[in-house]
């Protein structure tokens, strides 16, 4: 009976839930899960990041990281300097596809060794 209870507790621990808010460069952004057409949307002026509710937990996390990069560019002022949505999206995708996967893999290794 206790083994089963431990397995249930382990399963519960593995469930990831998006935070309701996040500090990005000292600015608080509200995180909202809702049904939207895009995977995610970041409204800098409203300090809100919306994530599509129907995505898997991993897709939600990946989308959150993508939108956090947009917010970071806004907070830093780089969005104003870039002043080009296509260039900004290319920079965000560079980090999303080339840096974040390395961080995620190394983090998994780190957690396993603890």
C-alpha atoms as a PDB file:
ATOM      1  CA  UNK A   1       0.000   0.000   0.000  1.00  0.00           C
ATOM      2  CA  UNK A   2       2.782   2.468   0.823  1.00  0.00           C
ATOM      3  CA  UNK A   3       4.560   1.669  -2.472  1.00  0.00           C
ATOM      4  CA  UNK A   4       1.420   2.609  -4.358  1.00  0.00           C
ATOM      5  CA  UNK A   5       1.113   5.813  -2.346  1.00  0.00           C
ATOM      6  CA  UNK A   6       4.756   6.683  -3.128  1.00  0.00           C
ATOM      7  CA  UNK A   7       4.139   6.088  -6.845  1.00  0.00           C
ATOM      8  CA  UNK A   8       1.084   8.365  -6.760  1.00  0.00           C
ATOM      9  CA  UNK A   9       3.077  11.057  -4.971  1.00  0.00           C
ATOM     10  CA  UNK A  10       5.882  10.728  -7.535  1.00  0.00           C
ATOM     11  CA  UNK A  11       3.355  11.128 -10.356  1.00  0.00           C
ATOM     12  CA  UNK A  12       1.929  14.243  -8.737  1.00  0.00           C
ATOM     13  CA  UNK A  13       5.406  15.759  -8.384  1.00  0.00           C
ATOM     14  CA  UNK A  14       6.032  15.299 -12.119  1.00  0.00           C
ATOM     15  CA  UNK A  15       3.015  17.434 -13.094  1.00  0.00           C
ATOM     16  CA  UNK A  16       4.213  20.856 -14.221  1.00  0.00           C
ATOM     17  CA  UNK A  17       1.920  23.830 -13.812  1.00  0.00           C
ATOM     18  CA  UNK A  18       2.620  27.213 -15.357  1.00  0.00           C
ATOM     19  CA  UNK A  19       3.123  30.029 -12.852  1.00  0.00           C
ATOM     20  CA  UNK A  20       0.327  32.604 -12.578  1.00  0.00           C
ATOM     21  CA  UNK A  21       2.879  35.409 -12.803  1.00  0.00           C
ATOM     22  CA  UNK A  22       6.553  35.842 -13.563  1.00  0.00           C
ATOM     23  CA  UNK A  23       9.160  38.543 -13.014  1.00  0.00           C
ATOM     24  CA  UNK A  24      11.017  39.365 -16.208  1.00  0.00           C
ATOM     25  CA  UNK A  25      13.743  41.943 -15.765  1.00  0.00           C
ATOM     26  CA  UNK A  26      12.007  43.184 -12.639  1.00  0.00           C
ATOM     27  CA  UNK A  27       8.623  43.610 -14.354  1.00  0.00           C
ATOM     28  CA  UNK A  28       5.737  41.376 -13.350  1.00  0.00           C
ATOM     29  CA  UNK A  29       3.898  39.625 -16.164  1.00  0.00           C
ATOM     30  CA  UNK A  30       0.631  37.784 -15.593  1.00  0.00           C
ATOM     31  CA  UNK A  31       0.511  34.302 -17.177  1.00  0.00           C
ATOM     32  CA  UNK A  32      -2.910  33.269 -18.491  1.00  0.00           C
ATOM     33  CA  UNK A  33      -3.964  29.925 -19.958  1.00  0.00           C
ATOM     34  CA  UNK A  34      -6.829  30.340 -22.420  1.00  0.00           C
ATOM     35  CA  UNK A  35      -8.033  29.170 -25.778  1.00  0.00           C
ATOM     36  CA  UNK A  36      -6.348  31.312 -28.401  1.00  0.00           C
ATOM     37  CA  UNK A  37      -5.461  30.698 -32.031  1.00  0.00           C
ATOM     38  CA  UNK A  38      -1.713  31.213 -31.594  1.00  0.00           C
ATOM     39  CA  UNK A  39       0.447  29.091 -29.313  1.00  0.00           C
ATOM     40  CA  UNK A  40       1.126  32.188 -27.230  1.00  0.00           C
ATOM     41  CA  UNK A  41       0.836  35.962 -27.186  1.00  0.00           C
ATOM     42  CA  UNK A  42       2.787  38.521 -25.184  1.00  0.00           C
ATOM     43  CA  UNK A  43       1.185  41.928 -24.594  1.00  0.00           C
ATOM     44  CA  UNK A  44       4.013  44.099 -23.301  1.00  0.00           C
ATOM     45  CA  UNK A  45       1.884  47.120 -22.398  1.00  0.00           C
ATOM     46  CA  UNK A  46      -0.601  44.999 -20.411  1.00  0.00           C
ATOM     47  CA  UNK A  47       2.243  42.869 -18.945  1.00  0.00           C
ATOM     48  CA  UNK A  48       0.367  39.693 -19.911  1.00  0.00           C
ATOM     49  CA  UNK A  49       1.472  36.447 -21.526  1.00  0.00           C
ATOM     50  CA  UNK A  50      -1.343  34.223 -22.837  1.00  0.00           C
ATOM     51  CA  UNK A  51      -0.665  30.548 -23.546  1.00  0.00           C
ATOM     52  CA  UNK A  52      -3.022  28.261 -25.478  1.00  0.00           C
ATOM     53  CA  UNK A  53      -4.751  26.094 -22.891  1.00  0.00           C
ATOM     54  CA  UNK A  54      -5.078  23.010 -25.134  1.00  0.00           C
ATOM     55  CA  UNK A  55      -1.307  22.569 -25.543  1.00  0.00           C
ATOM     56  CA  UNK A  56       0.515  19.759 -23.761  1.00  0.00           C
ATOM     57  CA  UNK A  57       2.382  20.712 -20.570  1.00  0.00           C
ATOM     58  CA  UNK A  58       5.715  20.636 -22.433  1.00  0.00           C
ATOM     59  CA  UNK A  59       4.310  22.755 -25.272  1.00  0.00           C
ATOM     60  CA  UNK A  60       2.965  25.222 -22.705  1.00  0.00           C
ATOM     61  CA  UNK A  61       6.408  25.489 -21.094  1.00  0.00           C
ATOM     62  CA  UNK A  62       8.148  25.865 -24.462  1.00  0.00           C
ATOM     63  CA  UNK A  63       5.625  28.530 -25.493  1.00  0.00           C
ATOM     64  CA  UNK A  64       6.071  30.337 -22.190  1.00  0.00           C
ATOM     65  CA  UNK A  65       9.854  30.412 -22.736  1.00  0.00           C
ATOM     66  CA  UNK A  66       9.292  31.753 -26.265  1.00  0.00           C
ATOM     67  CA  UNK A  67       7.024  34.537 -25.002  1.00  0.00           C
ATOM     68  CA  UNK A  68       9.411  35.294 -22.107  1.00  0.00           C
ATOM     69  CA  UNK A  69      12.113  35.987 -24.692  1.00  0.00           C
ATOM     70  CA  UNK A  70       9.810  38.483 -26.407  1.00  0.00           C
ATOM     71  CA  UNK A  71       9.115  40.113 -23.030  1.00  0.00           C
ATOM     72  CA  UNK A  72      12.839  40.235 -22.222  1.00  0.00           C
ATOM     73  CA  UNK A  73      13.516  42.012 -25.511  1.00  0.00           C
ATOM     74  CA  UNK A  74      10.786  44.504 -24.596  1.00  0.00           C
ATOM     75  CA  UNK A  75      12.032  45.065 -21.046  1.00  0.00           C
ATOM     76  CA  UNK A  76      15.610  45.536 -22.266  1.00  0.00           C
ATOM     77  CA  UNK A  77      14.535  48.057 -24.894  1.00  0.00           C
ATOM     78  CA  UNK A  78      15.927  45.936 -27.712  1.00  0.00           C
ATOM     79  CA  UNK A  79      12.472  45.587 -29.279  1.00  0.00           C
ATOM     80  CA  UNK A  80      12.491  49.354 -29.842  1.00  0.00           C
ATOM     81  CA  UNK A  81      15.941  49.250 -31.422  1.00  0.00           C
ATOM     82  CA  UNK A  82      15.082  46.248 -33.614  1.00  0.00           C
ATOM     83  CA  UNK A  83      11.752  47.811 -34.627  1.00  0.00           C
ATOM     84  CA  UNK A  84      11.197  44.816 -36.909  1.00  0.00           C
ATOM     85  CA  UNK A  85       8.815  41.994 -35.931  1.00  0.00           C
ATOM     86  CA  UNK A  86      10.465  39.514 -38.310  1.00  0.00           C
ATOM     87  CA  UNK A  87      13.948  40.201 -36.939  1.00  0.00           C
ATOM     88  CA  UNK A  88      12.696  39.938 -33.345  1.00  0.00           C
ATOM     89  CA  UNK A  89      10.946  36.635 -34.101  1.00  0.00           C
ATOM     90  CA  UNK A  90      14.140  35.302 -35.718  1.00  0.00           C
ATOM     91  CA  UNK A  91      16.171  36.197 -32.605  1.00  0.00           C
ATOM     92  CA  UNK A  92      13.593  34.582 -30.299  1.00  0.00           C
ATOM     93  CA  UNK A  93      13.544  31.422 -32.427  1.00  0.00           C
ATOM     94  CA  UNK A  94      17.347  31.302 -32.430  1.00  0.00           C
ATOM     95  CA  UNK A  95      17.315  31.054 -28.642  1.00  0.00           C
ATOM     96  CA  UNK A  96      14.247  28.782 -28.644  1.00  0.00           C
ATOM     97  CA  UNK A  97      15.699  26.205 -31.045  1.00  0.00           C
ATOM     98  CA  UNK A  98      19.430  26.436 -30.399  1.00  0.00           C
ATOM     99  CA  UNK A  99      19.885  27.406 -26.740  1.00  0.00           C
ATOM    100  CA  UNK A 100      16.805  26.248 -24.810  1.00  0.00           C
ATOM    101  CA  UNK A 101      17.109  22.570 -25.873  1.00  0.00           C
ATOM    102  CA  UNK A 102      20.681  22.495 -24.531  1.00  0.00           C
ATOM    103  CA  UNK A 103      19.576  24.061 -21.237  1.00  0.00           C
ATOM    104  CA  UNK A 104      16.669  21.594 -20.908  1.00  0.00           C
ATOM    105  CA  UNK A 105      18.909  18.582 -21.570  1.00  0.00           C
ATOM    106  CA  UNK A 106      21.617  19.723 -19.171  1.00  0.00           C
ATOM    107  CA  UNK A 107      19.007  20.480 -16.513  1.00  0.00           C
ATOM    108  CA  UNK A 108      17.648  16.913 -16.821  1.00  0.00           C
ATOM    109  CA  UNK A 109      21.179  15.557 -16.306  1.00  0.00           C
ATOM    110  CA  UNK A 110      21.701  17.851 -13.340  1.00  0.00           C
ATOM    111  CA  UNK A 111      18.460  16.742 -11.663  1.00  0.00           C
ATOM    112  CA  UNK A 112      19.292  13.037 -12.185  1.00  0.00           C
ATOM    113  CA  UNK A 113      22.702  13.431 -10.516  1.00  0.00           C
ATOM    114  CA  UNK A 114      21.262  15.032  -7.371  1.00  0.00           C
END
